[in-house]
Amino acid sequence: MRTLSEEEIAELRSRILSMARKAETGKDPLGWFEDLYESSNGNESMIPWSSGEAHQFLIEW
């Protein structure tokens, strides 16, 4: 997984906050999660909480 630059992190943070604010005013306050995953186009570095691997508990389950 590629490491984002400080500028890319700031841009991503701004985009996520914008998505969250927009979703908050609508009827789907968690809808921004779907928007974020869709807009990442499979690029895991665009999902801040992704480690690029399945969580060990999920694997064991």
Protein backbone atom coordinates (compact mmCIF):
# COMPACT_ATOMS: atom_id res chain seq x y z
CA MET A 1 0.00 0.00 0.00
CA ARG A 2 1.36 3.39 -1.03
CA THR A 3 2.03 6.03 1.62
CA LEU A 4 0.23 9.33 1.09
CA SER A 5 2.06 12.66 1.19
CA GLU A 6 1.08 15.28 3.76
CA GLU A 7 -0.69 17.21 1.00
CA GLU A 8 -2.65 14.12 -0.07
CA ILE A 9 -3.60 13.39 3.55
CA ALA A 10 -4.88 16.96 3.99
CA GLU A 11 -6.87 16.71 0.75
CA LEU A 12 -8.31 13.33 1.76
CA ARG A 13 -9.25 14.63 5.22
CA SER A 14 -11.01 17.62 3.65
CA ARG A 15 -12.89 15.38 1.20
CA ILE A 16 -13.99 13.00 3.97
CA LEU A 17 -15.21 15.87 6.16
CA SER A 18 -17.15 17.27 3.21
CA MET A 19 -18.76 13.87 2.55
CA ALA A 20 -19.63 13.46 6.24
CA ARG A 21 -21.18 16.93 6.49
CA LYS A 22 -23.25 16.33 3.37
CA ALA A 23 -24.45 12.95 4.68
CA GLU A 24 -25.20 14.44 8.09
CA THR A 25 -27.70 16.89 6.57
CA GLY A 26 -29.46 14.11 4.63
CA LYS A 27 -31.37 11.08 5.78
CA ASP A 28 -28.33 8.79 5.64
CA PRO A 29 -25.75 10.07 8.16
CA LEU A 30 -23.43 7.12 7.51
CA GLY A 31 -23.78 7.28 3.73
CA TRP A 32 -20.39 8.93 3.42
CA PHE A 33 -18.74 5.54 4.12
CA GLU A 34 -20.19 4.20 0.87
CA ASP A 35 -19.20 7.38 -0.96
CA LEU A 36 -15.64 7.10 0.34
CA TYR A 37 -15.23 3.44 -0.61
CA GLU A 38 -16.74 4.06 -4.04
CA SER A 39 -14.56 7.10 -4.73
CA SER A 40 -11.39 5.23 -3.68
CA ASN A 41 -11.72 2.96 -6.75
CA GLY A 42 -10.04 0.10 -4.90
CA ASN A 43 -7.09 2.23 -3.75
CA GLU A 44 -6.69 1.17 -0.11
CA SER A 45 -4.45 4.14 0.68
CA MET A 46 -7.55 6.34 0.26
CA ILE A 47 -9.25 4.59 3.21
CA PRO A 48 -7.55 6.00 6.33
CA TRP A 49 -8.35 3.04 8.58
CA SER A 50 -7.34 0.34 6.09
CA SER A 51 -4.21 -1.66 6.81
CA GLY A 52 -4.52 -3.48 3.50
CA GLU A 53 -5.11 -6.80 5.24
CA ALA A 54 -8.07 -8.55 6.82
CA HIS A 55 -8.30 -8.24 10.60
CA GLN A 56 -6.95 -11.31 12.39
CA PHE A 57 -10.26 -11.88 14.24
CA LEU A 58 -12.10 -11.98 10.91
CA ILE A 59 -9.60 -14.46 9.51
CA GLU A 60 -9.96 -16.72 12.57
CA TRP A 61 -13.74 -16.54 12.40
